[in-house]
N, C-alpha and C. Protein backbone atom coordinates (compact mmCIF):
# COMPACT_ATOMS: atom_id res chain seq x y z
N MET A 1 103.75 68.61 75.78
CA MET A 1 105.12 68.66 76.27
C MET A 1 105.69 70.07 76.19
N LEU A 2 105.27 70.81 75.18
CA LEU A 2 105.74 72.18 75.02
C LEU A 2 105.32 73.05 76.20
N TRP A 3 104.09 72.83 76.70
CA TRP A 3 103.60 73.63 77.84
C TRP A 3 104.43 73.36 79.09
N LEU A 4 104.83 72.10 79.28
CA LEU A 4 105.64 71.75 80.45
C LEU A 4 107.01 72.43 80.38
N ILE A 5 107.64 72.36 79.21
CA ILE A 5 108.95 73.00 79.04
C ILE A 5 108.83 74.50 79.22
N LEU A 6 107.79 75.08 78.62
CA LEU A 6 107.57 76.53 78.75
C LEU A 6 107.36 76.92 80.21
N GLY A 7 106.58 76.13 80.93
CA GLY A 7 106.33 76.41 82.34
C GLY A 7 107.59 76.36 83.18
N ILE A 8 108.42 75.34 82.94
CA ILE A 8 109.66 75.21 83.70
C ILE A 8 110.61 76.36 83.40
N VAL A 9 110.73 76.71 82.12
CA VAL A 9 111.60 77.82 81.74
C VAL A 9 111.13 79.12 82.37
N LEU A 10 109.82 79.37 82.35
CA LEU A 10 109.29 80.60 82.94
C LEU A 10 109.51 80.64 84.45
N LEU A 11 109.36 79.49 85.11
CA LEU A 11 109.60 79.46 86.55
C LEU A 11 111.07 79.73 86.88
N ILE A 12 111.98 79.17 86.07
CA ILE A 12 113.40 79.42 86.30
C ILE A 12 113.72 80.89 86.09
N LEU A 13 113.15 81.49 85.03
CA LEU A 13 113.37 82.91 84.78
C LEU A 13 112.77 83.75 85.90
N ALA A 14 111.64 83.32 86.44
CA ALA A 14 111.00 84.08 87.52
C ALA A 14 111.86 84.05 88.79
N ILE A 15 112.46 82.90 89.06
CA ILE A 15 113.30 82.79 90.25
C ILE A 15 114.58 83.60 90.08
N ALA A 16 115.16 83.57 88.88
CA ALA A 16 116.42 84.26 88.64
C ALA A 16 116.23 85.72 88.24
N GLY A 17 115.01 86.09 87.88
CA GLY A 17 114.76 87.42 87.33
C GLY A 17 114.64 88.51 88.39
N GLY A 18 114.31 89.69 87.91
CA GLY A 18 114.19 90.84 88.80
C GLY A 18 112.88 90.84 89.56
N ALA A 19 112.73 91.80 90.44
CA ALA A 19 111.56 91.88 91.32
C ALA A 19 110.31 92.36 90.58
N ILE A 20 110.50 93.08 89.48
CA ILE A 20 109.34 93.62 88.76
C ILE A 20 108.72 92.55 87.87
N VAL A 21 109.55 91.83 87.13
CA VAL A 21 109.05 90.84 86.17
C VAL A 21 108.74 89.52 86.87
N ASN A 22 109.31 89.30 88.03
CA ASN A 22 109.22 88.04 88.74
C ASN A 22 107.78 87.51 88.93
N PRO A 23 106.83 88.28 89.48
CA PRO A 23 105.49 87.73 89.69
C PRO A 23 104.78 87.36 88.39
N ILE A 24 105.00 88.15 87.34
CA ILE A 24 104.35 87.87 86.06
C ILE A 24 104.87 86.56 85.48
N LEU A 25 106.18 86.37 85.47
CA LEU A 25 106.75 85.13 84.94
C LEU A 25 106.35 83.94 85.79
N PHE A 26 106.27 84.13 87.10
CA PHE A 26 105.88 83.04 87.99
C PHE A 26 104.46 82.58 87.69
N VAL A 27 103.55 83.53 87.53
CA VAL A 27 102.15 83.19 87.22
C VAL A 27 102.06 82.52 85.86
N LEU A 28 102.78 83.04 84.86
CA LEU A 28 102.75 82.42 83.53
C LEU A 28 103.31 81.01 83.56
N GLY A 29 104.34 80.79 84.35
CA GLY A 29 104.90 79.45 84.49
C GLY A 29 103.92 78.48 85.12
N ILE A 30 103.24 78.92 86.17
CA ILE A 30 102.23 78.08 86.83
C ILE A 30 101.10 77.77 85.86
N VAL A 31 100.64 78.78 85.12
CA VAL A 31 99.55 78.57 84.16
C VAL A 31 99.98 77.58 83.08
N ALA A 32 101.20 77.68 82.58
CA ALA A 32 101.67 76.77 81.55
C ALA A 32 101.73 75.33 82.06
N ILE A 33 102.16 75.13 83.30
CA ILE A 33 102.21 73.78 83.87
C ILE A 33 100.80 73.24 84.09
N VAL A 34 99.88 74.09 84.55
CA VAL A 34 98.49 73.66 84.74
C VAL A 34 97.86 73.27 83.41
N VAL A 35 98.13 74.06 82.38
CA VAL A 35 97.60 73.75 81.04
C VAL A 35 98.15 72.41 80.57
N PHE A 36 99.43 72.15 80.83
CA PHE A 36 100.02 70.87 80.45
C PHE A 36 99.36 69.71 81.20
N LEU A 37 99.16 69.88 82.50
CA LEU A 37 98.60 68.81 83.32
C LEU A 37 97.13 68.54 82.99
N THR A 38 96.38 69.56 82.61
CA THR A 38 94.97 69.37 82.29
C THR A 38 94.77 68.88 80.87
N GLY A 39 95.80 68.94 80.05
CA GLY A 39 95.70 68.43 78.70
C GLY A 39 95.06 69.37 77.71
N TRP A 40 94.91 70.65 78.07
CA TRP A 40 94.31 71.61 77.16
C TRP A 40 95.31 71.99 76.10
N ARG A 41 94.93 71.85 74.82
CA ARG A 41 95.87 72.10 73.74
C ARG A 41 95.41 73.22 72.82
N GLY A 42 94.27 73.80 73.06
CA GLY A 42 93.82 74.91 72.23
C GLY A 42 93.26 74.46 70.89
N ARG A 43 93.08 75.38 69.97
CA ARG A 43 92.48 75.08 68.68
C ARG A 43 93.43 74.38 67.74
N SER A 44 94.73 74.45 67.98
CA SER A 44 95.70 73.85 67.07
C SER A 44 95.73 72.32 67.19
N ALA A 45 95.04 71.76 68.16
CA ALA A 45 95.05 70.31 68.35
C ALA A 45 94.29 69.60 67.24
N ALA A 46 93.41 70.30 66.55
CA ALA A 46 92.61 69.67 65.50
C ALA A 46 93.41 69.48 64.22
N VAL A 47 94.58 70.09 64.16
CA VAL A 47 95.37 70.02 62.92
C VAL A 47 96.03 68.66 62.81
């Protein structure tokens, strides 16, 4: 759920942000949503 929230926030910032930071935030937002949808949780999932 954290990845989904992070992705949405990054996409909103990318849309509202400046032209320089915009593509980076957009890509990070897309990656965060893809990570959420694929269920990848990293090494912390074993805790």
